[in-house]
Amino acid sequence: MIKGVNKKIIEINNPDSLYFEKAVLYVRPNITILPEAVSQKEAQRVLSALISAKQGRNRILKYRRHIIILSLIGIIIAFLLFL
């Protein structure tokens, strides 16, 4: 059995993107009036936060690799010095 669902959404279409066609944001049920300026600004903030969070994780992984490589180089140099 399918029940009716009444959700307010904001759909952001981006036909210029190579990877994403659209983003769908669900408005909280307790919000009855949402001014357009507020909704656009908040939608941009949410999407920007998602993008920057992904970039932050990539940056952490890159630094982790650098630390591991530098540590291995240090271990090799220390080993060669104590031979």
PDB file of N, CA and C in Angstrom:
ATOM      1  N   MET A   1       0.840  -1.163   0.000  1.00  0.00           N
ATOM      2  CA  MET A   1       0.000   0.000   0.000  1.00  0.00           C
ATOM      3  C   MET A   1       0.893   1.236   0.000  1.00  0.00           C
ATOM      4  N   ILE A   2       0.576   2.204  -0.819  1.00  0.00           N
ATOM      5  CA  ILE A   2       1.338   3.446  -0.881  1.00  0.00           C
ATOM      6  C   ILE A   2       0.555   4.529  -0.159  1.00  0.00           C
ATOM      7  N   LYS A   3       1.199   5.167   0.788  1.00  0.00           N
ATOM      8  CA  LYS A   3       0.560   6.258   1.515  1.00  0.00           C
ATOM      9  C   LYS A   3       1.001   7.580   0.912  1.00  0.00           C
ATOM     10  N   GLY A   4       0.170   8.560   0.995  1.00  0.00           N
ATOM     11  CA  GLY A   4       0.499   9.882   0.475  1.00  0.00           C
ATOM     12  C   GLY A   4       1.535  10.568   1.343  1.00  0.00           C
ATOM     13  N   VAL A   5       2.455  11.235   0.709  1.00  0.00           N
ATOM     14  CA  VAL A   5       3.500  11.969   1.417  1.00  0.00           C
ATOM     15  C   VAL A   5       3.432  13.410   0.962  1.00  0.00           C
ATOM     16  N   ASN A   6       3.390  14.307   1.915  1.00  0.00           N
ATOM     17  CA  ASN A   6       3.311  15.723   1.592  1.00  0.00           C
ATOM     18  C   ASN A   6       4.557  16.408   2.141  1.00  0.00           C
ATOM     19  N   LYS A   7       5.566  16.550   1.315  1.00  0.00           N
ATOM     20  CA  LYS A   7       6.825  17.177   1.721  1.00  0.00           C
ATOM     21  C   LYS A   7       7.074  18.400   0.862  1.00  0.00           C
ATOM     22  N   LYS A   8       7.595  19.444   1.484  1.00  0.00           N
ATOM     23  CA  LYS A   8       8.020  20.622   0.734  1.00  0.00           C
ATOM     24  C   LYS A   8       9.490  20.433   0.390  1.00  0.00           C
ATOM     25  N   ILE A   9       9.838  20.693  -0.855  1.00  0.00           N
ATOM     26  CA  ILE A   9      11.221  20.512  -1.285  1.00  0.00           C
ATOM     27  C   ILE A   9      11.700  21.740  -2.040  1.00  0.00           C
ATOM     28  N   ILE A  10      13.015  21.873  -2.086  1.00  0.00           N
ATOM     29  CA  ILE A  10      13.671  22.848  -2.954  1.00  0.00           C
ATOM     30  C   ILE A  10      14.523  22.026  -3.904  1.00  0.00           C
ATOM     31  N   GLU A  11      14.280  22.185  -5.177  1.00  0.00           N
ATOM     32  CA  GLU A  11      15.017  21.432  -6.193  1.00  0.00           C
ATOM     33  C   GLU A  11      15.932  22.402  -6.927  1.00  0.00           C
ATOM     34  N   ILE A  12      17.212  22.093  -6.943  1.00  0.00           N
ATOM     35  CA  ILE A  12      18.203  22.949  -7.589  1.00  0.00           C
ATOM     36  C   ILE A  12      18.725  22.211  -8.811  1.00  0.00           C
ATOM     37  N   ASN A  13      18.408  22.731  -9.982  1.00  0.00           N
ATOM     38  CA  ASN A  13      18.861  22.122 -11.236  1.00  0.00           C
ATOM     39  C   ASN A  13      20.170  22.760 -11.670  1.00  0.00           C
ATOM     40  N   ASN A  14      21.088  21.933 -12.157  1.00  0.00           N
ATOM     41  CA  ASN A  14      22.372  22.427 -12.640  1.00  0.00           C
ATOM     42  C   ASN A  14      22.718  21.686 -13.926  1.00  0.00           C
ATOM     43  N   PRO A  15      22.192  22.152 -15.056  1.00  0.00           N
ATOM     44  CA  PRO A  15      22.444  21.439 -16.311  1.00  0.00           C
ATOM     45  C   PRO A  15      23.879  21.572 -16.815  1.00  0.00           C
ATOM     46  N   ASP A  16      24.652  22.524 -16.287  1.00  0.00           N
ATOM     47  CA  ASP A  16      26.023  22.744 -16.744  1.00  0.00           C
ATOM     48  C   ASP A  16      27.030  21.790 -16.106  1.00  0.00           C
ATOM     49  N   SER A  17      26.648  21.123 -15.031  1.00  0.00           N
ATOM     50  CA  SER A  17      27.572  20.231 -14.333  1.00  0.00           C
ATOM     51  C   SER A  17      27.784  18.943 -15.117  1.00  0.00           C
ATOM     52  N   LEU A  18      29.022  18.469 -15.108  1.00  0.00           N
ATOM     53  CA  LEU A  18      29.335  17.199 -15.759  1.00  0.00           C
ATOM     54  C   LEU A  18      28.873  16.004 -14.933  1.00  0.00           C
ATOM     55  N   TYR A  19      28.747  16.187 -13.617  1.00  0.00           N
ATOM     56  CA  TYR A  19      28.511  15.063 -12.724  1.00  0.00           C
ATOM     57  C   TYR A  19      27.119  15.035 -12.105  1.00  0.00           C
ATOM     58  N   PHE A  20      26.554  16.209 -11.810  1.00  0.00           N
ATOM     59  CA  PHE A  20      25.292  16.252 -11.075  1.00  0.00           C
ATOM     60  C   PHE A  20      24.228  16.978 -11.878  1.00  0.00           C
ATOM     61  N   GLU A  21      23.052  16.391 -11.900  1.00  0.00           N
ATOM     62  CA  GLU A  21      21.932  16.986 -12.617  1.00  0.00           C
ATOM     63  C   GLU A  21      21.161  17.938 -11.719  1.00  0.00           C
ATOM     64  N   LYS A  22      20.890  17.507 -10.480  1.00  0.00           N
ATOM     65  CA  LYS A  22      20.142  18.358  -9.563  1.00  0.00           C
ATOM     66  C   LYS A  22      20.386  17.945  -8.120  1.00  0.00           C
ATOM     67  N   ALA A  23      20.066  18.865  -7.220  1.00  0.00           N
ATOM     68  CA  ALA A  23      20.110  18.598  -5.782  1.00  0.00           C
ATOM     69  C   ALA A  23      18.701  18.828  -5.244  1.00  0.00           C
ATOM     70  N   VAL A  24      18.276  17.978  -4.336  1.00  0.00           N
ATOM     71  CA  VAL A  24      16.946  18.101  -3.746  1.00  0.00           C
ATOM     72  C   VAL A  24      17.116  18.288  -2.246  1.00  0.00           C
ATOM     73  N   LEU A  25      16.569  19.381  -1.722  1.00  0.00           N
ATOM     74  CA  LEU A  25      16.623  19.678  -0.293  1.00  0.00           C
ATOM     75  C   LEU A  25      15.204  19.617   0.257  1.00  0.00           C
ATOM     76  N   TYR A  26      15.009  18.903   1.339  1.00  0.00           N
ATOM     77  CA  TYR A  26      13.690  18.780   1.956  1.00  0.00           C
ATOM     78  C   TYR A  26      13.548  19.840   3.043  1.00  0.00           C
ATOM     79  N   VAL A  27      12.463  20.594   2.983  1.00  0.00           N
ATOM     80  CA  VAL A  27      12.184  21.641   3.971  1.00  0.00           C
ATOM     81  C   VAL A  27      11.587  20.976   5.210  1.00  0.00           C
ATOM     82  N   ARG A  28      12.004  21.431   6.371  1.00  0.00           N
ATOM     83  CA  ARG A  28      11.492  20.864   7.624  1.00  0.00           C
ATOM     84  C   ARG A  28       9.970  21.056   7.696  1.00  0.00           C
ATOM     85  N   PRO A  29       9.271  20.081   8.276  1.00  0.00           N
ATOM     86  CA  PRO A  29       7.801  20.148   8.293  1.00  0.00           C
ATOM     87  C   PRO A  29       7.242  21.325   9.086  1.00  0.00           C
ATOM     88  N   ASN A  30       7.985  21.817  10.084  1.00  0.00           N
ATOM     89  CA  ASN A  30       7.464  22.910  10.902  1.00  0.00           C
ATOM     90  C   ASN A  30       7.608  24.279  10.230  1.00  0.00           C
ATOM     91  N   ILE A  31       8.263  24.373   9.083  1.00  0.00           N
ATOM     92  CA  ILE A  31       8.416  25.638   8.363  1.00  0.00           C
ATOM     93  C   ILE A  31       7.203  25.823   7.460  1.00  0.00           C
ATOM     94  N   THR A  32       6.451  26.905   7.697  1.00  0.00           N
ATOM     95  CA  THR A  32       5.260  27.152   6.879  1.00  0.00           C
ATOM     96  C   THR A  32       5.514  28.195   5.808  1.00  0.00           C
ATOM     97  N   ILE A  33       6.303  29.212   6.134  1.00  0.00           N
ATOM     98  CA  ILE A  33       6.614  30.272   5.168  1.00  0.00           C
ATOM     99  C   ILE A  33       8.126  30.347   5.025  1.00  0.00           C
ATOM    100  N   LEU A  34       8.585  30.317   3.789  1.00  0.00           N
ATOM    101  CA  LEU A  34      10.021  30.358   3.521  1.00  0.00           C
ATOM    102  C   LEU A  34      10.275  31.411   2.447  1.00  0.00           C
ATOM    103  N   PRO A  35      10.773  32.599   2.850  1.00  0.00           N
ATOM    104  CA  PRO A  35      11.051  33.634   1.851  1.00  0.00           C
ATOM    105  C   PRO A  35      12.083  33.145   0.834  1.00  0.00           C
ATOM    106  N   GLU A  36      11.926  33.552  -0.415  1.00  0.00           N
ATOM    107  CA  GLU A  36      12.790  33.061  -1.487  1.00  0.00           C
ATOM    108  C   GLU A  36      14.253  33.429  -1.254  1.00  0.00           C
ATOM    109  N   ALA A  37      14.513  34.646  -0.787  1.00  0.00           N
ATOM    110  CA  ALA A  37      15.901  35.069  -0.553  1.00  0.00           C
ATOM    111  C   ALA A  37      16.558  34.196   0.512  1.00  0.00           C
ATOM    112  N   VAL A  38      15.810  33.896   1.562  1.00  0.00           N
ATOM    113  CA  VAL A  38      16.348  33.058   2.636  1.00  0.00           C
ATOM    114  C   VAL A  38      16.590  31.645   2.117  1.00  0.00           C
ATOM    115  N   SER A  39      15.640  31.110   1.364  1.00  0.00           N
ATOM    116  CA  SER A  39      15.784  29.738   0.883  1.00  0.00           C
ATOM    117  C   SER A  39      16.961  29.603  -0.073  1.00  0.00           C
ATOM    118  N   GLN A  40      17.173  30.583  -0.946  1.00  0.00           N
ATOM    119  CA  GLN A  40      18.308  30.523  -1.869  1.00  0.00           C
ATOM    120  C   GLN A  40      19.629  30.602  -1.120  1.00  0.00           C
ATOM    121  N   LYS A  41      19.716  31.523  -0.166  1.00  0.00           N
ATOM    122  CA  LYS A  41      20.958  31.688   0.597  1.00  0.00           C
ATOM    123  C   LYS A  41      21.257  30.433   1.422  1.00  0.00           C
ATOM    124  N   GLU A  42      20.236  29.875   2.062  1.00  0.00           N
ATOM    125  CA  GLU A  42      20.431  28.682   2.885  1.00  0.00           C
ATOM    126  C   GLU A  42      20.784  27.470   2.026  1.00  0.00           C
ATOM    127  N   ALA A  43      20.152  27.339   0.871  1.00  0.00           N
ATOM    128  CA  ALA A  43      20.468  26.227  -0.034  1.00  0.00           C
ATOM    129  C   ALA A  43      21.920  26.315  -0.497  1.00  0.00           C
ATOM    130  N   GLN A  44      22.377  27.510  -0.835  1.00  0.00           N
ATOM    131  CA  GLN A  44      23.774  27.687  -1.244  1.00  0.00           C
ATOM    132  C   GLN A  44      24.716  27.355  -0.099  1.00  0.00           C
ATOM    133  N   ARG A  45      24.341  27.745   1.127  1.00  0.00           N
ATOM    134  CA  ARG A  45      25.187  27.476   2.291  1.00  0.00           C
ATOM    135  C   ARG A  45      25.303  25.968   2.531  1.00  0.00           C
ATOM    136  N   VAL A  46      24.182  25.259   2.437  1.00  0.00           N
ATOM    137  CA  VAL A  46      24.191  23.810   2.670  1.00  0.00           C
ATOM    138  C   VAL A  46      25.037  23.101   1.623  1.00  0.00           C
ATOM    139  N   LEU A  47      24.844  23.446   0.361  1.00  0.00           N
ATOM    140  CA  LEU A  47      25.608  22.793  -0.701  1.00  0.00           C
ATOM    141  C   LEU A  47      27.090  23.139  -0.609  1.00  0.00           C
ATOM    142  N   SER A  48      27.410  24.382  -0.261  1.00  0.00           N
ATOM    143  CA  SER A  48      28.815  24.770  -0.094  1.00  0.00           C
ATOM    144  C   SER A  48      29.455  24.002   1.059  1.00  0.00           C
ATOM    145  N   ALA A  49      28.702  23.818   2.142  1.00  0.00           N
ATOM    146  CA  ALA A  49      29.230  23.073   3.288  1.00  0.00           C
ATOM    147  C   ALA A  49      29.509  21.622   2.905  1.00  0.00           C
ATOM    148  N   LEU A  50      28.634  21.024   2.111  1.00  0.00           N
ATOM    149  CA  LEU A  50      28.862  19.642   1.667  1.00  0.00           C
ATOM    150  C   LEU A  50      30.105  19.543   0.797  1.00  0.00           C
ATOM    151  N   ILE A  51      30.276  20.498  -0.099  1.00  0.00           N
ATOM    152  CA  ILE A  51      31.436  20.488  -0.992  1.00  0.00           C
ATOM    153  C   ILE A  51      32.720  20.708  -0.203  1.00  0.00           C
ATOM    154  N   SER A  52      32.717  21.685   0.716  1.00  0.00           N
ATOM    155  CA  SER A  52      33.940  21.968   1.473  1.00  0.00           C
ATOM    156  C   SER A  52      34.274  20.821   2.425  1.00  0.00           C
ATOM    157  N   ALA A  53      33.273  20.126   2.951  1.00  0.00           N
ATOM    158  CA  ALA A  53      33.545  18.976   3.818  1.00  0.00           C
ATOM    159  C   ALA A  53      34.262  17.885   3.033  1.00  0.00           C
ATOM    160  N   LYS A  54      33.843  17.653   1.816  1.00  0.00           N
ATOM    161  CA  LYS A  54      34.493  16.649   0.965  1.00  0.00           C
ATOM    162  C   LYS A  54      35.929  17.064   0.673  1.00  0.00           C
ATOM    163  N   GLN A  55      36.136  18.348   0.356  1.00  0.00           N
ATOM    164  CA  GLN A  55      37.488  18.827   0.068  1.00  0.00           C
ATOM    165  C   GLN A  55      38.362  18.747   1.308  1.00  0.00           C
ATOM    166  N   GLY A  56      37.785  18.987   2.481  1.00  0.00           N
ATOM    167  CA  GLY A  56      38.541  18.891   3.725  1.00  0.00           C
ATOM    168  C   GLY A  56      39.030  17.478   3.982  1.00  0.00           C
ATOM    169  N   ARG A  57      38.182  16.484   3.717  1.00  0.00           N
ATOM    170  CA  ARG A  57      38.597  15.091   3.890  1.00  0.00           C
ATOM    171  C   ARG A  57      39.730  14.743   2.934  1.00  0.00           C
ATOM    172  N   ASN A  58      39.649  15.223   1.698  1.00  0.00           N
ATOM    173  CA  ASN A  58      40.713  14.956   0.728  1.00  0.00           C
ATOM    174  C   ASN A  58      42.021  15.592   1.179  1.00  0.00           C
ATOM    175  N   ARG A  59      41.951  16.786   1.751  1.00  0.00           N
ATOM    176  CA  ARG A  59      43.145  17.487   2.217  1.00  0.00           C
ATOM    177  C   ARG A  59      43.784  16.725   3.375  1.00  0.00           C
ATOM    178  N   ILE A  60      42.965  16.199   4.287  1.00  0.00           N
ATOM    179  CA  ILE A  60      43.492  15.426   5.414  1.00  0.00           C
ATOM    180  C   ILE A  60      44.193  14.172   4.913  1.00  0.00           C
ATOM    181  N   LEU A  61      43.593  13.483   3.944  1.00  0.00           N
ATOM    182  CA  LEU A  61      44.230  12.283   3.395  1.00  0.00           C
ATOM    183  C   LEU A  61      45.553  12.615   2.731  1.00  0.00           C
ATOM    184  N   LYS A  62      45.616  13.757   2.042  1.00  0.00           N
ATOM    185  CA  LYS A  62      46.857  14.164   1.384  1.00  0.00           C
ATOM    186  C   LYS A  62      47.944  14.423   2.429  1.00  0.00           C
ATOM    187  N   TYR A  63      47.613  15.122   3.517  1.00  0.00           N
ATOM    188  CA  TYR A  63      48.597  15.388   4.561  1.00  0.00           C
ATOM    189  C   TYR A  63      49.012  14.100   5.255  1.00  0.00           C
ATOM    190  N   ARG A  64      48.096  13.180   5.441  1.00  0.00           N
ATOM    191  CA  ARG A  64      48.423  11.907   6.077  1.00  0.00           C
ATOM    192  C   ARG A  64      49.449  11.156   5.236  1.00  0.00           C
ATOM    193  N   ARG A  65      49.262  11.174   3.921  1.00  0.00           N
ATOM    194  CA  ARG A  65      50.227  10.514   3.028  1.00  0.00           C
ATOM    195  C   ARG A  65      51.597  11.165   3.148  1.00  0.00           C
ATOM    196  N   HIS A  66      51.632  12.495   3.193  1.00  0.00           N
ATOM    197  CA  HIS A  66      52.912  13.196   3.325  1.00  0.00           C
ATOM    198  C   HIS A  66      53.610  12.810   4.629  1.00  0.00           C
ATOM    199  N   ILE A  67      52.861  12.759   5.702  1.00  0.00           N
ATOM    200  CA  ILE A  67      53.450  12.413   7.000  1.00  0.00           C
ATOM    201  C   ILE A  67      54.007  10.990   6.973  1.00  0.00           C
ATOM    202  N   ILE A  68      53.279  10.066   6.394  1.00  0.00           N
ATOM    203  CA  ILE A  68      53.750   8.676   6.316  1.00  0.00           C
ATOM    204  C   ILE A  68      55.016   8.582   5.473  1.00  0.00           C
ATOM    205  N   ILE A  69      55.024   9.252   4.332  1.00  0.00           N
ATOM    206  CA  ILE A  69      56.203   9.218   3.452  1.00  0.00           C
ATOM    207  C   ILE A  69      57.407   9.834   4.143  1.00  0.00           C
ATOM    208  N   LEU A  70      57.219  10.997   4.779  1.00  0.00           N
ATOM    209  CA  LEU A  70      58.334  11.642   5.481  1.00  0.00           C
ATOM    210  C   LEU A  70      58.823  10.783   6.650  1.00  0.00           C
ATOM    211  N   SER A  71      57.918  10.121   7.338  1.00  0.00           N
ATOM    212  CA  SER A  71      58.317   9.238   8.440  1.00  0.00           C
ATOM    213  C   SER A  71      59.153   8.071   7.926  1.00  0.00           C
ATOM    214  N   LEU A  72      58.720   7.479   6.823  1.00  0.00           N
ATOM    215  CA  LEU A  72      59.492   6.373   6.244  1.00  0.00           C
ATOM    216  C   LEU A  72      60.877   6.827   5.797  1.00  0.00           C
ATOM    217  N   ILE A  73      60.959   8.011   5.204  1.00  0.00           N
ATOM    218  CA  ILE A  73      62.265   8.550   4.799  1.00  0.00           C
ATOM    219  C   ILE A  73      63.148   8.752   6.021  1.00  0.00           C
ATOM    220  N   GLY A  74      62.562   9.273   7.108  1.00  0.00           N
ATOM    221  CA  GLY A  74      63.317   9.466   8.345  1.00  0.00           C
ATOM    222  C   GLY A  74      63.820   8.158   8.922  1.00  0.00           C
ATOM    223  N   ILE A  75      62.990   7.135   8.884  1.00  0.00           N
ATOM    224  CA  ILE A  75      63.394   5.819   9.392  1.00  0.00           C
ATOM    225  C   ILE A  75      64.532   5.246   8.556  1.00  0.00           C
ATOM    226  N   ILE A  76      64.444   5.390   7.244  1.00  0.00           N
ATOM    227  CA  ILE A  76      65.505   4.888   6.359  1.00  0.00           C
ATOM    228  C   ILE A  76      66.813   5.626   6.612  1.00  0.00           C
ATOM    229  N   ILE A  77      66.756   6.944   6.761  1.00  0.00           N
ATOM    230  CA  ILE A  77      67.972   7.734   7.027  1.00  0.00           C
ATOM    231  C   ILE A  77      68.572   7.330   8.369  1.00  0.00           C
ATOM    232  N   ALA A  78      67.729   7.177   9.394  1.00  0.00           N
ATOM    233  CA  ALA A  78      68.233   6.771  10.708  1.00  0.00           C
ATOM    234  C   ALA A  78      68.868   5.384  10.639  1.00  0.00           C
ATOM    235  N   PHE A  79      68.274   4.481   9.904  1.00  0.00           N
ATOM    236  CA  PHE A  79      68.821   3.136   9.744  1.00  0.00           C
ATOM    237  C   PHE A  79      70.185   3.187   9.067  1.00  0.00           C
ATOM    238  N   LEU A  80      70.309   4.011   8.014  1.00  0.00           N
ATOM    239  CA  LEU A  80      71.577   4.116   7.292  1.00  0.00           C
ATOM    240  C   LEU A  80      72.662   4.775   8.140  1.00  0.00           C
ATOM    241  N   LEU A  81      72.290   5.722   8.997  1.00  0.00           N
ATOM    242  CA  LEU A  81      73.269   6.390   9.854  1.00  0.00           C
ATOM    243  C   LEU A  81      73.811   5.455  10.935  1.00  0.00           C
ATOM    244  N   PHE A  82      72.991   4.539  11.413  1.00  0.00           N
ATOM    245  CA  PHE A  82      73.414   3.658  12.493  1.00  0.00           C
ATOM    246  C   PHE A  82      74.032   2.356  12.005  1.00  0.00           C
ATOM    247  N   LEU A  83      74.254   2.207  10.717  1.00  0.00           N
ATOM    248  CA  LEU A  83      74.904   0.994  10.193  1.00  0.00           C
ATOM    249  C   LEU A  83      76.361   0.986  10.468  1.00  0.00           C
TER     250      LEU A  83
END
